[in-house]
Amino acid sequence: MASLRRPSSSLLVRVLTSSSSSSAPSSSSCPSIRSLSSSSSMAAVKIRQLPKVKVVVAKRNGPANPRRRGSSYNFDKTLIETIVQEPISFDHIPRFTPGNVSVETIGQLQQFPLPVLKEIRAWGHPTTQSAGTLPFTVPRELTLEFTDKLNDVKTETISKPESHKHHNWMLWGNSGTGKTHLMMQTLVHANQTGWITMFMPDATRHTKNLYPYHYSPHTKTFHQPTLASFLLTHLSAPDTANASLLSQIPLPADTYSFRPDVAPGIGGSKLNSEIEFKRTIGGDAEGEGSWERTAKELAELGAKDESISMEVLEKVLEIIAGQDKVPILIAIDHIQAYFRETLYKTPELNTLESYHLSVPRLLLDYLSGRKNFARGATLTSITPLNNRCRISPSFLHGLSKPTNAFPLGSYFTFSKHMYPPSPHDQIHPWHSENARGMELVEVPEGVKLKEAKGLWEIKVVRRRLHTVNSDDNFLAKYLEVAGNPREFFRAIDISTL
């Protein structure tokens, strides 16, 4: 039962009427404000003197609950059937393996092997919406093209170390065409076929002043020891394909000496000392019982000691580049960050260029062709709609041959024939020169019909297609976005809200 704390409106009117009638003036005179206030105060006193009344309201569908307010009624919850959705099983979906990538499987829904995908994503998560499709993937014609490129690089005959070709590919296309996902497919295939893989999903993190840095008087550049240690840590991570492949690469020299490079004012005495890393350790004076260390142990040394991490990273890549037994693939997304100024500053607050930083400068040596792998390749990709790191005119000038045969396209229209340089553009010679050694690979604006059908199946198997699974709805969304993979996914989600 609930207690009645306030009187009903009829009771209030009755009390006010009785009080006003007892002290009401004659009808001929107008009541004063003082008389009205006194009458209302008397009515309030009479209301407080009324006894409290308890009211019980009988519910229509059940007994009353005096402790519960509102008009809800009681019901037996045991009569409600428990709705349990069966877990989704993806065991019937084939794995993305070298044997399943062929002309017949183009457009077929597949899934990346989770152990391989875990190794690659340990380097970092893709920043674009391609991560929303993982672990599912759909092989495209470009996927088959790049798997064939990797197979050719791995099996090509090298007569002399200086006679190898440069394999520096850059994915070029508009936003949402699937460049990042194509890079993931290439990395997974390389990991499964005996390649050392290095993946940097966001090159802008190397230039956004996120890692500590200091000036090195030995190299005349600004070192990033924490970033170098991070790369070496994932390159030599235990129980991975990279660790097992690095252990197969012997060290060509007997002893390596590294000079610790720390920030000024921290451990100044260490700058004059050197750390030696010997190839052969253990054993007696005659060498019995000794064993030789490999590139894996050298990478682990740099991963543990940041004072020599940058020098060790440079030496490890040099060792890998000098041998032709184990190939290496370096994949970098948002590569336009390496061809413009950075957010790092000098002590005088001058802006640093990307080649002033140690890690971007080292990787630019391999991207531009100044340094080459005896058996390896680089794969990069641009991100046109990254407003925080736009594509610089110097980068476009280095990639394209200036011509007036075609009109100048919009800023987000990319073609190697559509960028005649303007005399007002500030062309940086170093950025343009670094971009000349890269081979452009055009990514089509949209996927083909059978490839889009595989993307549609991703929504179906995940039970996220809240509409009729028909050819009419599929074709309507496909034509609505002109085959763009990213916009195709958005159109499906928007239509099912």
Protein backbone atom coordinates (compact mmCIF):
# COMPACT_ATOMS: atom_id res chain seq x y z
CA MET A 1 0.00 0.00 0.00
CA ALA A 2 1.11 3.56 -0.75
CA SER A 3 0.60 6.46 1.61
CA LEU A 4 -1.29 9.48 0.36
CA ARG A 5 1.04 12.44 0.84
CA ARG A 6 -1.02 15.04 -1.03
CA PRO A 7 -4.81 15.61 -0.87
CA SER A 8 -6.95 15.31 -3.91
CA SER A 9 -7.82 18.36 -5.95
CA SER A 10 -11.50 18.24 -4.82
CA LEU A 11 -10.47 18.25 -1.15
CA LEU A 12 -8.16 21.21 -1.74
CA VAL A 13 -10.94 23.13 -3.47
CA ARG A 14 -13.35 22.34 -0.56
CA VAL A 15 -10.91 23.54 2.07
CA LEU A 16 -10.12 26.71 0.17
CA THR A 17 -13.82 27.39 -0.36
CA SER A 18 -14.72 26.95 3.33
CA SER A 19 -11.85 29.10 4.52
CA SER A 20 -12.53 31.85 2.06
CA SER A 21 -16.27 31.84 2.78
CA SER A 22 -15.74 32.22 6.52
CA SER A 23 -13.54 35.28 6.15
CA ALA A 24 -14.90 36.62 2.89
CA PRO A 25 -15.86 40.32 2.76
CA SER A 26 -19.07 41.64 1.42
CA SER A 27 -19.77 41.20 -2.26
CA SER A 28 -19.88 44.91 -2.77
CA SER A 29 -16.24 45.44 -1.71
CA CYS A 30 -13.15 44.06 -3.53
CA PRO A 31 -10.96 41.66 -1.46
CA SER A 32 -7.56 43.01 -0.51
CA ILE A 33 -4.24 41.27 -1.07
CA ARG A 34 -3.75 40.85 2.70
CA SER A 35 -7.04 39.01 3.06
CA LEU A 36 -6.21 36.63 0.22
CA SER A 37 -2.79 35.77 1.68
CA SER A 38 -4.26 35.14 5.14
CA SER A 39 -6.93 32.87 3.74
CA SER A 40 -4.37 30.81 1.78
CA SER A 41 -2.17 30.39 4.86
CA MET A 42 -5.16 29.18 6.86
CA ALA A 43 -6.00 26.68 4.17
CA ALA A 44 -2.43 25.35 4.21
CA VAL A 45 -2.65 24.85 8.00
CA LYS A 46 -5.88 22.89 7.65
CA ILE A 47 -4.37 20.68 4.94
CA ARG A 48 -1.41 19.76 7.18
CA GLN A 49 -3.82 18.82 10.00
CA LEU A 50 -5.67 16.28 7.83
CA PRO A 51 -5.01 12.62 8.67
CA LYS A 52 -2.92 10.56 6.25
CA VAL A 53 -4.93 8.14 4.14
CA LYS A 54 -3.54 4.89 2.73
CA VAL A 55 -4.82 3.83 -0.64
CA VAL A 56 -4.65 0.32 -2.12
CA VAL A 57 -5.03 0.08 -5.89
CA ALA A 58 -6.11 -3.32 -7.14
CA LYS A 59 -4.16 -4.42 -10.26
CA ARG A 60 -6.10 -5.90 -13.12
CA ASN A 61 -3.62 -8.68 -13.94
CA GLY A 62 -2.28 -9.48 -10.53
CA PRO A 63 -2.09 -8.57 -6.87
CA ALA A 64 -1.03 -5.10 -5.84
CA ASN A 65 2.55 -4.45 -4.86
CA PRO A 66 2.50 -1.60 -2.31
CA ARG A 67 6.31 -1.28 -2.36
CA ARG A 68 6.50 -0.70 -6.09
CA ARG A 69 5.41 2.52 -7.73
CA GLY A 70 3.98 2.74 -11.20
CA SER A 71 1.39 0.80 -13.11
CA SER A 72 3.44 -2.27 -14.05
CA TYR A 73 1.98 -5.68 -13.33
CA ASN A 74 3.58 -8.89 -12.20
CA PHE A 75 4.08 -11.83 -14.53
CA ASP A 76 5.72 -15.21 -14.42
CA LYS A 77 9.16 -14.85 -16.00
CA THR A 78 9.59 -18.60 -16.24
CA LEU A 79 7.05 -18.67 -19.06
CA ILE A 80 9.37 -16.69 -21.32
CA GLU A 81 11.31 -18.93 -23.67
CA THR A 82 15.04 -18.33 -23.65
CA ILE A 83 16.27 -17.24 -27.09
CA VAL A 84 19.80 -18.52 -27.73
CA GLN A 85 21.51 -17.77 -31.03
CA GLU A 86 23.72 -20.52 -32.34
CA PRO A 87 27.41 -19.55 -32.62
CA ILE A 88 28.59 -18.71 -36.10
CA SER A 89 31.02 -21.25 -37.54
CA PHE A 90 33.50 -20.26 -40.22
CA ASP A 91 35.11 -23.67 -40.63
CA HIS A 92 33.59 -24.15 -44.07
CA ILE A 93 35.34 -21.05 -45.45
CA PRO A 94 38.65 -21.98 -47.16
CA ARG A 95 41.95 -20.56 -45.93
CA PHE A 96 43.99 -17.98 -47.85
CA THR A 97 47.02 -20.08 -48.74
CA PRO A 98 49.36 -20.12 -51.75
CA GLY A 99 47.52 -23.14 -53.13
CA ASN A 100 44.13 -21.36 -52.98
CA VAL A 101 45.22 -18.25 -54.91
CA SER A 102 44.59 -18.89 -58.58
CA VAL A 103 42.48 -17.68 -61.46
CA GLU A 104 39.64 -19.99 -60.41
CA THR A 105 39.49 -18.61 -56.87
CA ILE A 106 39.27 -14.91 -57.80
CA GLY A 107 36.21 -13.51 -56.04
CA GLN A 108 35.93 -16.47 -53.64
CA LEU A 109 35.41 -15.70 -49.98
CA GLN A 110 38.40 -16.89 -47.94
CA GLN A 111 39.89 -16.22 -44.52
CA PHE A 112 43.42 -15.52 -43.41
CA PRO A 113 45.05 -18.17 -41.19
CA LEU A 114 44.82 -16.73 -37.69
CA PRO A 115 48.44 -17.53 -36.64
CA VAL A 116 49.82 -15.75 -39.70
CA LEU A 117 47.43 -12.84 -39.29
CA LYS A 118 48.43 -12.50 -35.64
CA GLU A 119 52.12 -12.20 -36.58
CA ILE A 120 51.46 -9.47 -39.11
CA ARG A 121 49.05 -7.48 -36.95
CA ALA A 122 51.60 -7.51 -34.13
CA TRP A 123 53.39 -4.76 -36.06
CA GLY A 124 50.27 -2.62 -35.79
CA HIS A 125 46.65 -2.50 -36.92
CA PRO A 126 45.71 -1.07 -40.29
CA THR A 127 44.34 2.43 -39.88
CA THR A 128 41.83 2.24 -42.74
CA GLN A 129 38.51 0.42 -42.83
CA SER A 130 40.08 -2.66 -44.41
CA ALA A 131 40.54 -3.90 -40.84
CA GLY A 132 36.76 -4.31 -40.65
CA THR A 133 36.84 -7.21 -43.09
CA LEU A 134 39.51 -9.23 -41.26
CA PRO A 135 40.02 -12.14 -41.00
CA PHE A 136 38.06 -12.51 -44.25
CA THR A 137 39.49 -11.68 -47.63
CA VAL A 138 38.59 -11.95 -51.29
CA PRO A 139 41.37 -12.60 -53.82
CA ARG A 140 41.43 -10.14 -56.70
CA GLU A 141 43.25 -10.10 -60.00
CA LEU A 142 45.84 -7.80 -58.44
CA THR A 143 46.29 -10.33 -55.63
CA LEU A 144 47.28 -12.95 -58.17
CA GLU A 145 49.57 -10.44 -59.89
CA PHE A 146 51.47 -9.66 -56.70
CA THR A 147 51.77 -13.29 -55.62
CA ASP A 148 53.32 -14.01 -59.02
CA LYS A 149 55.69 -11.07 -58.52
CA LEU A 150 56.86 -12.46 -55.19
CA ASN A 151 57.34 -15.93 -56.65
CA ASP A 152 59.41 -14.49 -59.50
CA VAL A 153 61.63 -12.53 -57.11
CA LYS A 154 62.20 -15.58 -54.96
CA THR A 155 63.11 -17.86 -57.86
CA GLU A 156 65.00 -15.42 -60.10
CA THR A 157 68.57 -16.32 -60.93
CA ILE A 158 71.19 -13.92 -59.65
CA SER A 159 74.55 -14.30 -61.34
CA LYS A 160 76.23 -11.46 -59.43
CA PRO A 161 75.12 -9.57 -56.34
CA GLU A 162 75.16 -6.32 -58.34
CA SER A 163 73.02 -7.70 -61.18
CA HIS A 164 69.73 -8.02 -59.33
CA LYS A 165 66.74 -5.88 -60.25
CA HIS A 166 65.06 -3.24 -58.15
CA HIS A 167 61.63 -4.27 -56.87
CA ASN A 168 60.12 -1.17 -55.27
CA TRP A 169 56.35 -1.21 -55.89
CA MET A 170 53.96 1.49 -54.81
CA LEU A 171 50.18 1.07 -54.88
CA TRP A 172 48.63 4.11 -56.51
CA GLY A 173 44.91 4.81 -56.53
CA ASN A 174 42.03 6.73 -55.04
CA SER A 175 40.70 6.28 -51.53
CA GLY A 176 38.76 3.12 -50.77
CA THR A 177 40.03 1.05 -53.70
CA GLY A 178 41.50 -1.67 -51.44
CA LYS A 179 45.20 -0.77 -51.41
CA THR A 180 45.75 -1.57 -47.73
CA HIS A 181 43.91 -4.87 -47.98
CA LEU A 182 45.93 -5.80 -51.05
CA MET A 183 49.05 -5.10 -49.00
CA MET A 184 47.77 -7.42 -46.27
CA GLN A 185 47.18 -10.19 -48.81
CA THR A 186 50.71 -9.79 -50.15
CA LEU A 187 52.19 -9.88 -46.64
CA VAL A 188 50.27 -13.03 -45.71
CA HIS A 189 51.42 -14.76 -48.90
CA ALA A 190 55.04 -13.72 -48.25
CA ASN A 191 54.87 -14.98 -44.67
CA GLN A 192 53.61 -18.35 -45.86
CA THR A 193 56.24 -18.75 -48.59
CA GLY A 194 59.42 -18.14 -46.60
CA TRP A 195 59.82 -14.36 -46.66
CA ILE A 196 60.98 -12.10 -43.84
CA THR A 197 58.20 -9.54 -43.49
CA MET A 198 58.32 -6.05 -41.99
CA PHE A 199 55.01 -4.17 -41.82
CA MET A 200 54.55 -0.52 -40.92
CA PRO A 201 50.80 0.20 -41.14
CA ASP A 202 51.13 3.94 -40.54
CA ALA A 203 54.28 5.75 -41.63
CA THR A 204 52.93 9.02 -40.22
CA ARG A 205 53.65 7.70 -36.71
CA HIS A 206 57.36 7.84 -37.58
CA THR A 207 57.14 11.56 -38.39
CA LYS A 208 54.54 12.84 -35.88
CA ASN A 209 56.92 13.35 -32.95
CA LEU A 210 55.62 10.29 -31.11
CA TYR A 211 59.01 8.68 -30.41
CA PRO A 212 61.94 10.16 -28.47
CA TYR A 213 64.77 11.51 -30.59
CA HIS A 214 68.14 13.19 -30.19
CA TYR A 215 70.90 14.47 -32.39
CA SER A 216 73.77 12.12 -33.13
CA PRO A 217 77.10 13.81 -33.91
CA HIS A 218 78.43 10.61 -35.48
CA THR A 219 75.83 10.36 -38.25
CA LYS A 220 74.74 14.02 -38.38
CA THR A 221 71.10 12.91 -38.12
CA PHE A 222 68.45 12.69 -35.43
CA HIS A 223 68.21 9.17 -34.03
CA GLN A 224 64.99 7.48 -32.92
CA PRO A 225 66.25 4.71 -30.61
CA THR A 226 62.85 3.69 -29.27
CA LEU A 227 61.41 3.25 -32.76
CA ALA A 228 64.45 1.26 -33.90
CA SER A 229 64.15 -0.98 -30.85
CA PHE A 230 60.45 -1.49 -31.59
CA LEU A 231 61.19 -2.64 -35.14
CA LEU A 232 63.94 -5.01 -34.00
CA THR A 233 61.69 -6.45 -31.28
CA HIS A 234 59.00 -7.49 -33.77
CA LEU A 235 61.57 -8.58 -36.35
CA SER A 236 63.09 -11.08 -33.89
CA ALA A 237 59.96 -11.97 -31.90
CA PRO A 238 60.12 -15.58 -30.67
CA ASP A 239 57.94 -18.31 -32.16
CA THR A 240 57.41 -16.42 -35.40
CA ALA A 241 58.34 -17.04 -39.00
CA ASN A 242 60.73 -14.08 -38.97
CA ALA A 243 62.69 -15.48 -36.02
CA SER A 244 63.15 -18.86 -37.66
CA LEU A 245 64.25 -17.26 -40.95
CA LEU A 246 66.69 -14.88 -39.26
CA SER A 247 68.28 -17.82 -37.48
CA GLN A 248 69.15 -19.23 -40.92
CA ILE A 249 71.19 -16.16 -41.90
CA PRO A 250 74.83 -16.39 -40.73
CA LEU A 251 76.89 -13.38 -39.78
CA PRO A 252 79.52 -12.56 -42.41
CA ALA A 253 81.98 -10.90 -40.00
CA ASP A 254 83.65 -12.33 -36.94
CA THR A 255 83.16 -9.30 -34.70
CA TYR A 256 80.81 -6.30 -34.74
CA SER A 257 81.50 -3.18 -32.73
CA PHE A 258 78.77 -0.74 -31.78
CA ARG A 259 79.25 2.64 -30.17
CA PRO A 260 76.43 3.50 -27.72
CA ASP A 261 74.55 6.58 -28.79
CA VAL A 262 72.53 8.14 -25.99
CA ALA A 263 70.95 11.52 -25.57
CA PRO A 264 73.30 14.35 -24.55
CA GLY A 265 73.73 14.65 -20.80
CA ILE A 266 72.83 11.00 -20.11
CA GLY A 267 75.72 8.67 -19.47
CA GLY A 268 78.36 10.70 -21.25
CA SER A 269 81.10 8.22 -20.36
CA LYS A 270 79.32 5.52 -22.37
CA LEU A 271 79.83 7.45 -25.60
CA ASN A 272 83.52 6.52 -25.67
CA SER A 273 83.00 2.81 -24.95
CA GLU A 274 82.10 0.18 -27.54
CA ILE A 275 80.00 -2.96 -27.38
CA GLU A 276 81.42 -5.96 -29.19
CA PHE A 277 79.30 -8.72 -30.62
CA LYS A 278 81.23 -11.83 -31.62
CA ARG A 279 79.94 -14.36 -34.08
CA THR A 280 81.48 -17.38 -32.31
CA ILE A 281 80.97 -17.84 -28.60
CA GLY A 282 81.61 -20.62 -26.09
CA GLY A 283 84.04 -23.47 -26.39
CA ASP A 284 87.62 -23.90 -25.26
CA ALA A 285 90.84 -22.42 -26.57
CA GLU A 286 90.82 -24.81 -29.54
CA GLY A 287 87.26 -23.89 -30.46
CA GLU A 288 85.64 -27.14 -29.47
CA GLY A 289 82.09 -26.87 -28.17
CA SER A 290 81.55 -23.39 -29.62
CA TRP A 291 78.62 -22.29 -31.74
CA GLU A 292 78.00 -19.45 -34.14
CA ARG A 293 75.37 -16.82 -33.64
CA THR A 294 73.09 -15.60 -36.39
CA ALA A 295 71.26 -12.45 -37.43
CA LYS A 296 68.51 -13.33 -34.96
CA GLU A 297 70.82 -12.90 -31.94
CA LEU A 298 72.14 -9.64 -33.37
CA ALA A 299 68.60 -8.28 -33.74
CA GLU A 300 67.80 -9.31 -30.17
CA LEU A 301 70.83 -7.36 -28.96
CA GLY A 302 69.51 -4.14 -30.52
CA ALA A 303 66.00 -4.79 -29.26
CA LYS A 304 67.22 -4.93 -25.65
CA ASP A 305 69.67 -2.02 -25.74
CA GLU A 306 68.27 1.24 -27.13
CA SER A 307 71.69 2.91 -27.00
CA ILE A 308 72.78 0.83 -30.02
CA SER A 309 69.38 -0.06 -31.50
CA MET A 310 69.65 2.28 -34.49
CA GLU A 311 73.10 1.07 -35.47
CA VAL A 312 72.05 -2.56 -35.01
CA LEU A 313 68.94 -2.08 -37.18
CA GLU A 314 71.08 -0.68 -39.97
CA LYS A 315 73.52 -3.58 -39.68
CA VAL A 316 70.77 -6.24 -39.62
CA LEU A 317 69.19 -4.89 -42.80
CA GLU A 318 72.61 -4.74 -44.39
CA ILE A 319 73.24 -8.40 -43.56
CA ILE A 320 69.83 -9.43 -44.93
CA ALA A 321 70.41 -7.39 -48.10
CA GLY A 322 73.79 -9.00 -48.73
CA GLN A 323 72.54 -12.61 -48.85
CA ASP A 324 70.24 -14.24 -51.41
CA LYS A 325 68.97 -17.26 -49.49
CA VAL A 326 66.13 -15.69 -47.52
CA PRO A 327 64.08 -12.92 -49.21
CA ILE A 328 62.64 -9.94 -47.34
CA LEU A 329 59.53 -7.83 -47.95
CA ILE A 330 59.15 -4.37 -46.37
CA ALA A 331 55.58 -2.99 -46.54
CA ILE A 332 54.79 0.60 -45.54
CA ASP A 333 51.38 2.29 -45.66
CA HIS A 334 50.82 6.08 -45.69
CA ILE A 335 54.17 6.41 -47.44
CA GLN A 336 53.58 10.07 -48.33
CA ALA A 337 54.79 10.92 -44.82
CA TYR A 338 58.35 10.07 -45.92
CA PHE A 339 58.31 12.70 -48.67
CA ARG A 340 57.52 15.88 -46.78
CA GLU A 341 58.38 17.80 -43.62
CA THR A 342 57.76 16.23 -40.21
CA LEU A 343 56.45 17.42 -36.87
CA TYR A 344 59.87 17.02 -35.26
CA LYS A 345 61.75 20.20 -34.36
CA THR A 346 65.37 21.10 -33.83
CA PRO A 347 66.46 22.81 -30.60
CA GLU A 348 66.12 26.05 -32.58
CA LEU A 349 62.50 25.09 -33.42
CA ASN A 350 63.26 24.49 -37.10
CA THR A 351 61.17 21.86 -38.84
CA LEU A 352 62.93 18.61 -39.70
CA GLU A 353 62.50 16.85 -43.00
CA SER A 354 61.89 13.10 -43.10
CA TYR A 355 65.45 12.32 -44.24
CA HIS A 356 66.79 14.09 -41.13
CA LEU A 357 65.37 11.25 -39.00
CA SER A 358 67.32 8.02 -38.74
CA VAL A 359 64.60 5.41 -39.35
CA PRO A 360 62.87 7.11 -42.32
CA ARG A 361 66.27 7.89 -43.83
CA LEU A 362 67.35 4.25 -43.58
CA LEU A 363 64.15 2.98 -45.17
CA LEU A 364 64.28 5.65 -47.89
CA ASP A 365 67.66 4.29 -48.94
CA TYR A 366 65.98 1.00 -49.86
CA LEU A 367 62.82 2.58 -51.27
CA SER A 368 64.73 4.88 -53.60
CA GLY A 369 67.17 2.23 -54.82
CA ARG A 370 70.34 3.67 -53.28
CA LYS A 371 70.54 0.42 -51.31
CA ASN A 372 69.21 -2.84 -52.68
CA PHE A 373 68.35 -6.30 -51.48
CA ALA A 374 70.01 -9.20 -53.19
CA ARG A 375 66.66 -10.94 -52.94
CA GLY A 376 63.85 -8.79 -51.65
CA ALA A 377 61.25 -6.15 -52.42
CA THR A 378 59.43 -3.16 -50.95
CA LEU A 379 55.69 -2.49 -51.16
CA THR A 380 54.26 0.89 -50.25
CA SER A 381 50.89 2.60 -50.51
CA ILE A 382 49.57 6.14 -50.37
CA THR A 383 46.52 7.46 -48.54
CA PRO A 384 45.04 10.33 -50.59
CA LEU A 385 42.44 11.51 -48.07
CA ASN A 386 44.76 11.84 -45.09
CA ASN A 387 44.31 15.53 -44.32
CA ARG A 388 46.88 15.43 -41.54
CA CYS A 389 49.60 14.29 -43.97
CA ARG A 390 48.88 15.44 -47.49
CA ILE A 391 50.78 14.34 -50.55
CA SER A 392 53.44 16.94 -51.29
CA PRO A 393 54.04 18.38 -54.77
CA SER A 394 57.66 17.20 -54.53
CA PHE A 395 56.45 13.62 -54.16
CA LEU A 396 54.17 13.92 -57.18
CA HIS A 397 56.89 15.59 -59.20
CA GLY A 398 59.30 12.75 -58.53
CA LEU A 399 56.76 10.06 -59.44
CA SER A 400 55.42 11.54 -62.68
CA LYS A 401 56.86 12.78 -65.94
CA PRO A 402 55.70 16.35 -66.42
CA THR A 403 53.47 16.63 -69.48
CA ASN A 404 50.77 18.97 -70.74
CA ALA A 405 49.01 16.28 -72.73
CA PHE A 406 46.30 16.01 -70.09
CA PRO A 407 44.65 18.77 -68.06
CA LEU A 408 45.50 19.14 -64.41
CA GLY A 409 43.17 16.96 -62.40
CA SER A 410 41.75 17.68 -58.98
CA TYR A 411 43.84 17.27 -55.86
CA PHE A 412 42.37 13.82 -55.19
CA THR A 413 42.69 12.60 -58.78
CA PHE A 414 45.92 10.67 -59.13
CA SER A 415 47.53 9.70 -62.38
CA LYS A 416 51.16 9.85 -63.45
CA HIS A 417 50.10 11.75 -66.57
CA MET A 418 47.91 14.35 -64.86
CA TYR A 419 50.33 16.37 -62.80
CA PRO A 420 52.23 19.02 -64.77
CA PRO A 421 54.29 20.94 -62.18
CA SER A 422 53.46 24.54 -61.59
CA PRO A 423 56.21 27.20 -61.30
CA HIS A 424 54.62 28.17 -57.99
CA ASP A 425 55.13 24.73 -56.47
CA GLN A 426 58.03 24.42 -54.04
CA ILE A 427 59.76 21.30 -55.29
CA HIS A 428 62.16 19.78 -52.79
CA PRO A 429 64.97 18.09 -54.74
CA TRP A 430 65.67 15.38 -52.16
CA HIS A 431 62.03 14.28 -51.91
CA SER A 432 61.68 14.20 -55.69
CA GLU A 433 64.87 12.21 -56.09
CA ASN A 434 63.82 9.65 -53.47
CA ALA A 435 60.52 9.07 -55.30
CA ARG A 436 62.05 8.39 -58.71
CA GLY A 437 63.13 4.86 -57.87
CA MET A 438 59.58 3.62 -57.14
CA GLU A 439 57.44 1.68 -59.58
CA LEU A 440 53.79 2.71 -59.67
CA VAL A 441 51.10 0.01 -59.71
CA GLU A 442 47.68 1.39 -60.58
CA VAL A 443 44.83 0.08 -58.44
CA PRO A 444 41.46 0.17 -60.32
CA GLU A 445 38.73 2.47 -59.10
CA GLY A 446 36.34 -0.39 -58.46
CA VAL A 447 36.33 -4.15 -58.10
CA LYS A 448 34.81 -6.42 -60.67
CA LEU A 449 31.42 -8.03 -60.26
CA LYS A 450 32.65 -11.42 -59.06
CA GLU A 451 35.03 -9.76 -56.62
CA ALA A 452 32.21 -7.63 -55.20
CA LYS A 453 30.15 -10.79 -54.79
CA GLY A 454 32.78 -12.09 -52.40
CA LEU A 455 32.59 -8.87 -50.36
CA TRP A 456 28.82 -9.30 -50.20
CA GLU A 457 29.30 -12.80 -48.79
CA ILE A 458 31.27 -11.37 -45.87
CA LYS A 459 28.12 -9.67 -44.63
CA VAL A 460 26.11 -12.83 -45.23
CA VAL A 461 28.34 -15.21 -43.25
CA ARG A 462 28.62 -12.72 -40.39
CA ARG A 463 24.80 -12.39 -40.27
CA ARG A 464 25.07 -8.63 -40.67
CA LEU A 465 23.01 -8.38 -43.81
CA HIS A 466 19.67 -7.18 -42.47
CA THR A 467 17.99 -7.14 -45.84
CA VAL A 468 16.92 -9.62 -48.47
CA ASN A 469 19.90 -11.50 -49.86
CA SER A 470 18.97 -11.12 -53.50
CA ASP A 471 20.74 -10.25 -56.73
CA ASP A 472 18.64 -7.11 -57.08
CA ASN A 473 19.86 -5.66 -53.77
CA PHE A 474 23.43 -6.68 -54.53
CA LEU A 475 23.46 -5.06 -57.96
CA ALA A 476 21.75 -1.94 -56.62
CA LYS A 477 24.50 -1.37 -54.05
CA TYR A 478 27.24 -2.27 -56.51
CA LEU A 479 26.05 0.25 -59.09
CA GLU A 480 25.36 2.85 -56.41
CA VAL A 481 29.07 3.10 -55.49
CA ALA A 482 30.55 2.23 -58.90
CA GLY A 483 32.29 -0.82 -57.43
CA ASN A 484 34.37 1.02 -54.81
CA PRO A 485 35.05 -1.59 -52.07
CA ARG A 486 34.96 0.76 -49.10
CA GLU A 487 31.85 2.61 -50.25
CA PHE A 488 30.25 -0.74 -51.07
CA PHE A 489 30.52 -1.78 -47.43
CA ARG A 490 29.22 1.57 -46.27
CA ALA A 491 26.24 1.37 -48.59
CA ILE A 492 25.29 -2.03 -47.17
CA ASP A 493 25.55 -0.79 -43.57
CA ILE A 494 23.61 2.42 -44.22
CA SER A 495 20.80 0.59 -45.96
CA THR A 496 20.31 -1.73 -42.97
CA LEU A 497 20.14 0.89 -40.22
